[in-house]
C-alpha cells in the first residue's frame, strides 16, 4: 500500500491555543496507528469507530499531547482489527472489481488499500472526481455520493476530518467507510430552478406542514432503519426530493452563494438539535439530530477541496435531503426558537466559585454576568468529556459563535418569509428574536444536560426517545 501523507497539513477550523509541536505529532502518530490497525466499525452491527474524530476534535480544542494519549488508550479498548477475520486479507479490491464489494464490511481493509492507491495516483480531488462524482459511480446500485451520506452521515464526517486537517490517510479510510455502507436512501434532486427559491428555514416549515411526511404512529422500540423506511414509503422519498429542490443549488454556485448555504446549514442544524424540546420540560438533545450539527461543520472543508462547482452543488444536493430524512426519522420535531432563546446566555460550570476573585486593581469582575465570558469554562468543561460527540458538537458551536455570533435579532437567513399580503412572517415561532447568542446558549444547555466533565460533574447521555413524537414525552424527565 502506498505511503500516503498522514501529517496534519492544515490547521483545524478552530485552531484554539494549546496546539503545540508535541500535540500535533502525537495526534498524527495516533491517527496513523488507528488507520493502520482498526476497522471503521467497532461492532459488526455498524457502530462506528470514532477514534480519529475524538483525537482531532480534542486537538483542535487545545488538548495536550498527554491528554490525546489518554483519549486514545480509552477509545481503542473496544475496536476491532482492520481485517476482522483472517480470510478478509484474501479480498483484493481493484479497479475492475471494486463495485462488487460495495456494502461488504469484510472488504474494508482492502478498500483502504484501494483508495490509498487512488489518492497516490490521482490526488484527493482527482479521486473524488472519479470515485465520488463520476456518472458511472453514481449509477443505480453504485451510488457512491449517497453512500457518503449513509449511516447517519458518519462517512461524510470521517472524510470531512481528513479534508479539514489535510490528512490523506483519513480521506482514504473515510472513502473506504463509505464504500462498505449500504445505501438505504437514494435521493436525486431536480437541478432546474424552481418557480420560487426558498431558504432552508422556509423549507423546514414546508416539511412540517406536508401531509405526505406526517409521522407514522409512535413506537419507542422501532429500529432506526425501520423508521427511515417508513419516512420514505408511500411517496415520502419523492416528497422530500420535491421540497428540497426548492432550496435551489445551481451547478454554477458562486463562492458567496456557497458560503450562505453553509451558514444556513449550521443555523438549521443548531436549531434542530437545541430548540426541539418542550417548554417547561427538561431539555432533550437528540442523538441523531446532533449528527446533523456535527456534520454541518464539514460543508466548507468539502467544498474547499472539491474544485468543480457542479460537484460542489452535487455534494450539497446529496447532503440536504439526508438532513431532512434524519429529522423526519425523529418524528418531525418542531423548531421552537423561543425555547432556545430562553436558555441562559451566560452559562457557568456547577461550582460556586469556579474562579479566583479579581485583584483590587482589576477592571471588572467575572462574578458579574455582564462582565463574564462563558466560553473558556465551556471549553475546559467539554475537553475532558468521554463522549466524542460532545466535543464535536462543541466544535461546531464554537465555530458558529466565531463566525455568526454577531448576528442581530432577526438577522438569521430565512428568519422571515413573505406572507399572503407581502408582510414579514416568522418561519418558525420566535425566529424574529433569534440572534448570535443561540450558540452559547446551546453550548450551555449541552453541558448542563451531558455533564461538565472538566469540573467534576457526572456525565449523562443524548436522548434517543425520538422526541418529535408527542407520545415520546409521556415518560418522566
Protein backbone atom coordinates (compact mmCIF):
# COMPACT_ATOMS: atom_id res chain seq x y z
CA UNK A 1 0.00 0.00 0.00
CA UNK A 2 1.42 3.44 -0.92
CA UNK A 3 2.50 5.59 1.99
CA UNK A 4 0.05 8.47 1.95
CA UNK A 5 0.70 11.61 3.93
CA UNK A 6 -0.55 11.16 7.48
CA UNK A 7 0.53 14.60 8.68
CA UNK A 8 -1.94 17.31 9.61
CA UNK A 9 -1.07 19.67 6.79
CA UNK A 10 -3.85 22.15 7.59
CA UNK A 11 -4.89 23.82 10.81
CA UNK A 12 -8.30 22.99 12.23
CA UNK A 13 -11.21 25.35 11.78
CA UNK A 14 -10.92 26.46 15.41
CA UNK A 15 -7.16 26.13 15.97
CA UNK A 16 -7.51 27.17 19.61
CA UNK A 17 -4.46 27.93 21.77
CA UNK A 18 -2.92 24.75 23.11
CA UNK A 19 -1.76 23.28 19.80
CA UNK A 20 1.96 22.54 20.07
CA UNK A 21 4.56 20.59 18.14
CA UNK A 22 4.16 17.79 20.70
CA UNK A 23 0.37 17.67 20.43
CA UNK A 24 0.49 17.82 16.63
CA UNK A 25 2.97 14.98 16.21
CA UNK A 26 1.17 12.93 18.86
CA UNK A 27 -2.13 13.38 17.05
CA UNK A 28 -0.50 12.33 13.77
CA UNK A 29 1.05 9.25 15.37
CA UNK A 30 -2.23 8.13 16.96
CA UNK A 31 -4.29 8.79 13.83
CA UNK A 32 -1.92 6.70 11.71
CA UNK A 33 -1.94 3.89 14.28
CA UNK A 34 -5.74 3.83 14.28
CA UNK A 35 -5.89 3.85 10.47
CA UNK A 36 -3.40 1.00 10.16
CA UNK A 37 -4.84 -1.21 12.89
CA UNK A 38 -8.60 -0.74 13.25
CA UNK A 39 -11.80 -1.33 11.32
CA UNK A 40 -14.26 1.56 10.84
CA UNK A 41 -16.91 -0.46 12.74
CA UNK A 42 -16.21 -1.47 16.30
CA UNK A 43 -19.21 -3.82 16.10
CA UNK A 44 -20.46 -5.89 13.20
CA UNK A 45 -23.88 -4.26 13.52
CA UNK A 46 -22.43 -0.99 12.23
CA UNK A 47 -21.34 1.02 15.27
CA UNK A 48 -18.72 3.43 14.03
CA UNK A 49 -15.12 3.84 15.16
CA UNK A 50 -14.80 7.41 16.48
CA UNK A 51 -11.12 7.34 17.46
CA UNK A 52 -9.97 9.81 14.80
CA UNK A 53 -12.95 12.08 15.46
CA UNK A 54 -12.17 12.24 19.17
CA UNK A 55 -8.46 12.83 18.68
CA UNK A 56 -8.93 15.66 16.18
CA UNK A 57 -11.81 17.34 18.00
CA UNK A 58 -9.78 17.39 21.22
CA UNK A 59 -6.65 18.51 19.37
CA UNK A 60 -8.48 21.42 17.75
CA UNK A 61 -9.92 22.36 21.15
CA UNK A 62 -6.39 22.62 22.56
CA UNK A 63 -5.80 19.22 24.19
CA UNK A 64 -2.23 18.44 25.23
CA UNK A 65 -0.17 15.52 23.92
CA UNK A 66 -0.64 13.61 27.16
CA UNK A 67 -4.38 14.15 27.06
CA UNK A 68 -4.54 12.84 23.48
CA UNK A 69 -2.78 9.65 24.55
CA UNK A 70 -5.28 9.20 27.37
CA UNK A 71 -8.16 9.61 24.92
CA UNK A 72 -6.62 7.09 22.52
CA UNK A 73 -5.97 4.50 25.22
CA UNK A 74 -9.61 4.60 26.25
CA UNK A 75 -11.03 4.72 22.71
CA UNK A 76 -9.18 1.67 21.38
CA UNK A 77 -10.40 -0.72 24.08
CA UNK A 78 -13.40 -1.82 22.03
CA UNK A 79 -12.07 -1.53 18.48
CA UNK A 80 -11.90 -4.43 16.03
CA UNK A 81 -8.88 -5.13 13.82
CA UNK A 82 -8.90 -3.74 10.29
CA UNK A 83 -9.13 -7.30 8.96
CA UNK A 84 -11.74 -8.76 11.31
CA UNK A 85 -11.20 -12.32 10.10
CA UNK A 86 -8.05 -13.84 8.66
CA UNK A 87 -9.81 -14.66 5.39
CA UNK A 88 -10.60 -10.94 4.90
CA UNK A 89 -6.95 -10.47 3.97
CA UNK A 90 -7.55 -12.53 0.83
CA UNK A 91 -10.02 -9.98 -0.57
CA UNK A 92 -8.33 -7.93 -3.28
CA UNK A 93 -10.24 -4.82 -4.31
CA UNK A 94 -9.03 -3.32 -7.59
CA UNK A 95 -10.17 -1.02 -10.41
CA UNK A 96 -12.00 -3.84 -12.14
CA UNK A 97 -13.92 -5.40 -9.27
CA UNK A 98 -14.36 -2.69 -6.59
CA UNK A 99 -18.08 -2.24 -7.24
CA UNK A 100 -18.84 -5.86 -6.38
CA UNK A 101 -17.53 -5.30 -2.83
CA UNK A 102 -19.68 -2.24 -2.08
CA UNK A 103 -21.61 -2.75 1.13
CA UNK A 104 -19.28 -5.56 2.26
CA UNK A 105 -17.69 -4.67 5.60
CA UNK A 106 -15.27 -7.58 5.30
CA UNK A 107 -13.65 -5.71 2.38
CA UNK A 108 -12.88 -2.60 4.46
CA UNK A 109 -9.15 -3.30 4.80
CA UNK A 110 -8.79 -3.93 1.08
CA UNK A 111 -10.78 -0.78 0.30
CA UNK A 112 -8.31 1.23 2.39
CA UNK A 113 -5.50 -0.06 0.18
CA UNK A 114 -7.56 0.62 -2.96
CA UNK A 115 -8.41 4.22 -2.11
CA UNK A 116 -4.89 4.87 -0.83
CA UNK A 117 -3.57 3.84 -4.24
CA UNK A 118 -6.17 6.04 -5.96
CA UNK A 119 -5.17 9.10 -3.91
CA UNK A 120 -1.48 8.41 -4.54
CA UNK A 121 -2.19 8.30 -8.28
CA UNK A 122 -4.89 10.96 -8.70
CA UNK A 123 -4.67 13.17 -5.64
CA UNK A 124 -7.61 13.82 -3.34
CA UNK A 125 -9.64 15.95 -5.76
CA UNK A 126 -8.95 13.58 -8.67
CA UNK A 127 -10.07 10.64 -6.55
CA UNK A 128 -13.26 12.49 -5.68
CA UNK A 129 -13.95 13.27 -9.32
CA UNK A 130 -13.51 9.63 -10.35
CA UNK A 131 -14.95 7.72 -7.38
CA UNK A 132 -17.49 10.11 -5.83
CA UNK A 133 -18.82 12.44 -8.53
CA UNK A 134 -18.41 10.44 -11.74
CA UNK A 135 -21.60 9.50 -13.58
CA UNK A 136 -20.68 5.82 -13.62
CA UNK A 137 -20.05 5.65 -9.87
CA UNK A 138 -23.45 7.18 -9.14
CA UNK A 139 -25.43 4.77 -11.28
CA UNK A 140 -28.15 2.81 -9.51
CA UNK A 141 -26.53 0.21 -7.28
CA UNK A 142 -23.21 2.04 -7.02
CA UNK A 143 -24.37 5.37 -5.55
CA UNK A 144 -21.04 6.47 -4.09
CA UNK A 145 -22.10 10.02 -3.28
CA UNK A 146 -25.19 8.77 -1.47
CA UNK A 147 -23.10 6.21 0.41
CA UNK A 148 -21.04 9.09 1.83
CA UNK A 149 -24.30 10.36 3.37
CA UNK A 150 -25.30 6.93 4.73
CA UNK A 151 -25.00 5.71 8.29
CA UNK A 152 -26.20 8.98 9.90
CA UNK A 153 -23.61 10.81 7.75
CA UNK A 154 -20.68 9.11 9.51
CA UNK A 155 -18.68 8.61 6.28
CA UNK A 156 -19.10 12.32 5.50
CA UNK A 157 -17.84 13.21 8.97
CA UNK A 158 -14.88 10.83 8.68
CA UNK A 159 -13.86 12.18 5.28
CA UNK A 160 -14.53 15.71 6.50
CA UNK A 161 -11.91 15.42 9.22
CA UNK A 162 -9.36 14.29 6.66
CA UNK A 163 -10.19 17.22 4.38
CA UNK A 164 -10.28 19.79 7.16
CA UNK A 165 -6.88 18.83 8.57
CA UNK A 166 -5.29 17.87 5.25
CA UNK A 167 -4.69 14.22 6.20
CA UNK A 168 -4.74 11.97 3.12
CA UNK A 169 -4.83 8.77 5.16
CA UNK A 170 -8.10 9.81 6.81
CA UNK A 171 -9.59 10.62 3.41
CA UNK A 172 -8.74 7.08 2.25
CA UNK A 173 -10.22 5.43 5.34
CA UNK A 174 -13.29 7.67 5.11
CA UNK A 175 -13.92 6.72 1.49
CA UNK A 176 -13.49 3.08 2.47
CA UNK A 177 -16.06 3.53 5.21
CA UNK A 178 -18.47 5.00 2.66
CA UNK A 179 -17.88 2.08 0.30
CA UNK A 180 -18.91 -0.56 2.84
CA UNK A 181 -22.11 1.26 3.81
CA UNK A 182 -25.38 0.16 2.28
CA UNK A 183 -27.26 2.90 0.50
CA UNK A 184 -30.73 2.82 2.03
CA UNK A 185 -31.87 6.13 0.57
CA UNK A 186 -31.32 7.28 -2.98
CA UNK A 187 -32.24 10.93 -3.41
CA UNK A 188 -31.79 12.84 -6.65
CA UNK A 189 -32.89 16.49 -6.63
CA UNK A 190 -34.15 18.33 -9.69
CA UNK A 191 -31.44 20.74 -10.83
CA UNK A 192 -33.75 23.11 -12.69
CA UNK A 193 -34.52 26.44 -10.99
CA UNK A 194 -37.83 26.35 -9.07
CA UNK A 195 -40.55 28.93 -9.65
CA UNK A 196 -39.59 30.39 -6.28
CA UNK A 197 -36.45 29.50 -4.36
CA UNK A 198 -36.79 29.18 -0.59
CA UNK A 199 -34.40 29.48 2.33
CA UNK A 200 -33.57 26.43 4.41
CA UNK A 201 -35.78 27.62 7.28
CA UNK A 202 -38.65 28.07 4.82
CA UNK A 203 -38.02 24.56 3.53
CA UNK A 204 -38.26 23.18 7.06
CA UNK A 205 -41.60 24.94 7.50
CA UNK A 206 -42.86 23.32 4.29
CA UNK A 207 -41.75 19.90 5.52
CA UNK A 208 -43.56 20.47 8.83
CA UNK A 209 -46.83 21.16 7.01
CA UNK A 210 -46.58 18.37 4.41
CA UNK A 211 -49.34 15.79 4.84
CA UNK A 212 -47.27 13.26 2.91
CA UNK A 213 -44.50 13.49 5.52
CA UNK A 214 -46.77 13.19 8.55
CA UNK A 215 -45.08 10.77 11.00
CA UNK A 216 -46.40 7.26 11.41
CA UNK A 217 -47.71 6.25 14.88
CA UNK A 218 -45.05 6.26 17.60
CA UNK A 219 -43.36 3.04 18.61
CA UNK A 220 -40.47 3.54 21.03
CA UNK A 221 -38.94 0.19 20.10
CA UNK A 222 -38.70 0.76 16.33
CA UNK A 223 -35.17 0.42 14.95
CA UNK A 224 -33.65 3.37 13.12
CA UNK A 225 -33.61 1.67 9.70
CA UNK A 226 -37.30 0.84 10.04
CA UNK A 227 -38.02 4.49 10.82
CA UNK A 228 -36.08 5.50 7.72
CA UNK A 229 -38.06 3.14 5.51
CA UNK A 230 -41.32 4.42 7.00
CA UNK A 231 -40.43 8.01 6.09
CA UNK A 232 -39.50 7.12 2.51
CA UNK A 233 -42.51 4.84 1.93
CA UNK A 234 -45.79 5.92 0.33
CA UNK A 235 -44.32 8.82 -1.60
CA UNK A 236 -42.27 10.21 1.26
CA UNK A 237 -38.99 9.99 -0.61
CA UNK A 238 -40.42 11.78 -3.62
CA UNK A 239 -41.92 14.49 -1.39
CA UNK A 240 -38.54 15.09 0.26
CA UNK A 241 -36.98 15.45 -3.19
CA UNK A 242 -39.72 17.80 -4.38
CA UNK A 243 -39.48 20.11 -1.38
CA UNK A 244 -35.68 20.06 -1.14
CA UNK A 245 -35.41 21.13 -4.78
CA UNK A 246 -36.86 24.47 -3.66
CA UNK A 247 -33.62 25.23 -1.82
CA UNK A 248 -32.05 25.72 -5.20
CA UNK A 249 -28.41 24.79 -5.70
CA UNK A 250 -27.09 25.81 -9.10
CA UNK A 251 -24.35 23.89 -10.88
CA UNK A 252 -22.62 27.28 -11.22
CA UNK A 253 -22.90 28.08 -7.50
CA UNK A 254 -20.67 31.02 -6.59
CA UNK A 255 -18.39 31.22 -3.57
CA UNK A 256 -20.76 33.75 -1.99
CA UNK A 257 -23.78 31.50 -2.53
CA UNK A 258 -21.86 28.54 -1.17
CA UNK A 259 -20.90 30.43 1.99
CA UNK A 260 -24.54 31.38 2.56
CA UNK A 261 -25.71 27.79 2.05
CA UNK A 262 -23.09 26.55 4.52
CA UNK A 263 -24.19 29.18 7.04
CA UNK A 264 -27.86 28.23 6.64
CA UNK A 265 -27.00 24.59 7.32
CA UNK A 266 -25.22 25.44 10.58
CA UNK A 267 -28.10 27.61 11.83
CA UNK A 268 -30.68 24.96 10.92
CA UNK A 269 -28.69 22.12 12.49
CA UNK A 270 -28.25 24.13 15.71
CA UNK A 271 -31.97 24.91 15.88
CA UNK A 272 -32.95 21.29 15.19
CA UNK A 273 -30.62 19.98 17.88
CA UNK A 274 -31.33 22.50 20.63
CA UNK A 275 -34.78 24.03 20.06
CA UNK A 276 -36.92 20.93 19.55
CA UNK A 277 -37.74 20.26 23.20
CA UNK A 278 -40.84 21.20 25.18
CA UNK A 279 -41.28 24.36 27.29
CA UNK A 280 -41.33 23.55 30.98
CA UNK A 281 -39.65 20.17 30.47
CA UNK A 282 -36.05 19.10 30.97
CA UNK A 283 -34.20 19.73 27.67
CA UNK A 284 -33.69 16.70 25.45
CA UNK A 285 -30.83 16.64 22.96
CA UNK A 286 -31.46 14.06 20.27
CA UNK A 287 -28.60 11.73 19.37
CA UNK A 288 -29.32 11.69 15.64
CA UNK A 289 -30.08 15.40 15.23
CA UNK A 290 -26.71 16.02 16.88
CA UNK A 291 -25.07 14.30 13.92
CA UNK A 292 -26.56 16.97 11.66
CA UNK A 293 -24.91 19.61 13.84
CA UNK A 294 -21.56 17.83 13.81
CA UNK A 295 -21.60 17.17 10.07
CA UNK A 296 -22.59 20.72 9.14
CA UNK A 297 -19.11 21.88 10.15
CA UNK A 298 -17.58 19.96 7.22
CA UNK A 299 -19.50 21.54 4.35
CA UNK A 300 -16.84 24.20 3.85
CA UNK A 301 -13.85 21.78 4.02
CA UNK A 302 -15.51 19.54 1.43
CA UNK A 303 -16.25 22.41 -0.92
CA UNK A 304 -12.77 23.87 -0.48
CA UNK A 305 -11.22 20.65 -1.80
CA UNK A 306 -13.83 19.92 -4.48
CA UNK A 307 -12.68 22.01 -7.43
CA UNK A 308 -15.58 21.80 -9.88
CA UNK A 309 -18.58 23.93 -8.99
CA UNK A 310 -21.02 21.35 -10.32
CA UNK A 311 -19.50 18.80 -7.94
CA UNK A 312 -19.87 21.20 -5.00
CA UNK A 313 -23.51 21.58 -5.98
CA UNK A 314 -23.92 17.79 -6.24
CA UNK A 315 -22.44 17.40 -2.76
CA UNK A 316 -24.94 19.87 -1.26
CA UNK A 317 -27.83 18.27 -3.16
CA UNK A 318 -26.88 14.90 -1.66
CA UNK A 319 -26.49 16.23 1.89
CA UNK A 320 -29.69 18.28 2.17
CA UNK A 321 -32.34 15.53 1.73
CA UNK A 322 -30.48 13.25 4.14
CA UNK A 323 -30.56 16.06 6.68
CA UNK A 324 -34.34 16.27 6.22
CA UNK A 325 -34.69 12.49 6.31
CA UNK A 326 -32.90 12.21 9.65
CA UNK A 327 -35.11 14.94 11.12
CA UNK A 328 -38.22 13.12 9.90
CA UNK A 329 -36.96 9.84 11.37
CA UNK A 330 -37.06 11.55 14.77
CA UNK A 331 -40.78 12.25 14.44
CA UNK A 332 -40.59 15.61 12.65
CA UNK A 333 -39.58 17.63 15.74
CA UNK A 334 -40.64 21.27 15.51
CA UNK A 335 -38.27 24.19 15.89
CA UNK A 336 -39.21 26.40 18.84
CA UNK A 337 -36.67 29.20 18.56
CA UNK A 338 -38.11 30.97 21.60
CA UNK A 339 -37.28 27.90 23.70
CA UNK A 340 -33.61 28.04 22.72
CA UNK A 341 -33.51 31.80 23.30
CA UNK A 342 -34.89 31.19 26.81
CA UNK A 343 -31.78 29.26 27.82
CA UNK A 344 -29.01 31.01 29.72
CA UNK A 345 -26.70 33.16 27.57
CA UNK A 346 -24.10 33.21 30.35
CA UNK A 347 -23.77 29.53 31.33
CA UNK A 348 -21.42 28.64 34.17
CA UNK A 349 -19.95 25.36 35.43
CA UNK A 350 -21.54 23.75 38.51
CA UNK A 351 -19.20 25.34 41.05
CA UNK A 352 -19.98 28.10 43.48
CA UNK A 353 -16.68 29.84 42.74
CA UNK A 354 -15.04 28.47 39.57
CA UNK A 355 -12.57 31.35 39.51
CA UNK A 356 -10.47 33.34 41.95
CA UNK A 357 -11.82 36.76 42.93
CA UNK A 358 -10.24 39.60 40.95
CA UNK A 359 -7.47 41.68 42.45
CA UNK A 360 -8.04 45.15 43.80
CA UNK A 361 -6.70 46.72 40.59
CA UNK A 362 -8.77 44.54 38.24
CA UNK A 363 -11.23 46.15 35.88
CA UNK A 364 -14.39 44.08 36.03
CA UNK A 365 -15.49 41.00 37.96
CA UNK A 366 -16.23 37.54 36.48
CA UNK A 367 -18.93 37.08 39.12
CA UNK A 368 -20.90 39.71 37.23
CA UNK A 369 -22.68 38.21 34.22
CA UNK A 370 -22.30 41.45 32.30
CA UNK A 371 -18.50 41.15 32.61
CA UNK A 372 -18.10 37.39 32.18
CA UNK A 373 -17.10 35.40 29.08
CA UNK A 374 -18.55 31.88 29.40
CA UNK A 375 -16.55 30.29 26.57
CA UNK A 376 -13.28 29.50 28.44
CA UNK A 377 -15.17 27.50 31.07
CA UNK A 378 -17.27 25.77 28.40
CA UNK A 379 -14.12 24.68 26.58
CA UNK A 380 -12.45 23.47 29.77
CA UNK A 381 -15.60 21.61 30.75
CA UNK A 382 -16.03 19.81 27.42
CA UNK A 383 -12.44 18.90 26.62
CA UNK A 384 -12.41 16.05 29.15
CA UNK A 385 -15.81 14.59 28.29
CA UNK A 386 -15.61 10.87 27.48
CA UNK A 387 -18.15 11.09 24.63
CA UNK A 388 -16.50 12.33 21.43
CA UNK A 389 -19.88 13.52 20.14
CA UNK A 390 -19.98 16.20 22.82
CA UNK A 391 -16.58 17.57 21.82
CA UNK A 392 -17.58 17.50 18.16
CA UNK A 393 -20.82 19.35 18.86
CA UNK A 394 -18.95 21.96 20.86
CA UNK A 395 -16.56 22.48 17.96
CA UNK A 396 -19.46 23.35 15.67
CA UNK A 397 -20.93 25.72 18.25
CA UNK A 398 -17.59 27.48 18.80
CA UNK A 399 -17.10 27.81 15.05
CA UNK A 400 -20.61 29.20 14.67
CA UNK A 401 -20.08 31.67 17.51
CA UNK A 402 -16.82 32.82 15.92
CA UNK A 403 -18.41 33.41 12.51
CA UNK A 404 -22.07 34.19 13.23
CA UNK A 405 -22.09 35.29 16.87
CA UNK A 406 -22.60 38.96 15.96
CA UNK A 407 -25.86 38.25 14.09
CA UNK A 408 -28.54 40.69 15.32
CA UNK A 409 -32.11 39.71 16.26
CA UNK A 410 -33.99 38.83 13.09
CA UNK A 411 -30.78 38.67 11.09
CA UNK A 412 -30.70 34.91 10.52
CA UNK A 413 -31.06 33.96 6.85
CA UNK A 414 -34.65 32.80 6.45
CA UNK A 415 -35.95 34.08 9.78
CA UNK A 416 -38.88 35.61 7.91
CA UNK A 417 -40.88 34.78 4.81
CA UNK A 418 -43.35 36.85 2.87
CA UNK A 419 -46.96 36.49 4.00
CA UNK A 420 -50.05 36.47 1.80
CA UNK A 421 -50.11 40.27 1.71
CA UNK A 422 -46.36 40.68 1.46
CA UNK A 423 -45.89 41.18 5.19
CA UNK A 424 -42.97 39.61 7.09
CA UNK A 425 -43.95 36.39 8.83
CA UNK A 426 -41.66 34.33 11.08
CA UNK A 427 -40.75 31.00 9.50
CA UNK A 428 -40.76 29.40 12.97
CA UNK A 429 -42.04 30.61 16.35
CA UNK A 430 -39.60 33.09 17.86
CA UNK A 431 -37.26 33.36 14.86
CA UNK A 432 -37.60 37.15 14.79
CA UNK A 433 -35.80 37.37 18.13
CA UNK A 434 -33.05 34.85 17.38
CA UNK A 435 -29.56 36.30 17.38
CA UNK A 436 -25.98 35.05 17.55
CA UNK A 437 -26.27 34.16 21.23
CA UNK A 438 -28.02 30.89 20.38
CA UNK A 439 -24.66 29.18 20.05
CA UNK A 440 -23.50 29.94 23.59
CA UNK A 441 -27.00 29.16 24.88
CA UNK A 442 -26.84 25.80 23.07
CA UNK A 443 -23.35 25.11 24.42
CA UNK A 444 -24.54 25.82 27.95
CA UNK A 445 -27.60 23.60 27.81
CA UNK A 446 -25.49 20.81 26.27
CA UNK A 447 -23.02 20.94 29.15
CA UNK A 448 -25.79 21.17 31.74
CA UNK A 449 -27.50 18.10 30.29
CA UNK A 450 -24.49 15.96 29.34
CA UNK A 451 -22.10 16.97 32.10
CA UNK A 452 -19.35 19.49 32.79
CA UNK A 453 -16.75 16.71 32.99
CA UNK A 454 -13.84 19.10 33.39
CA UNK A 455 -15.46 20.47 36.54
CA UNK A 456 -16.31 17.17 38.19
CA UNK A 457 -19.94 16.81 37.12
CA UNK A 458 -21.22 13.32 36.28
CA UNK A 459 -21.78 12.70 32.59
CA UNK A 460 -25.16 11.93 31.04
CA UNK A 461 -26.30 10.75 27.61
CA UNK A 462 -28.00 12.01 24.47
CA UNK A 463 -31.73 11.46 24.09
CA UNK A 464 -32.92 8.52 21.98
CA UNK A 465 -36.66 8.77 22.60
CA UNK A 466 -37.41 10.15 19.10
CA UNK A 467 -38.55 13.42 20.64
CA UNK A 468 -40.56 14.62 17.64
CA UNK A 469 -43.47 12.38 18.64
CA UNK A 470 -45.62 13.84 21.41
CA UNK A 471 -46.00 10.35 22.88
CA UNK A 472 -42.24 10.28 23.46
CA UNK A 473 -42.83 12.98 26.09
CA UNK A 474 -45.34 10.94 28.09
CA UNK A 475 -42.47 9.48 30.09
CA UNK A 476 -41.00 11.39 33.02
CA UNK A 477 -37.90 13.54 32.55
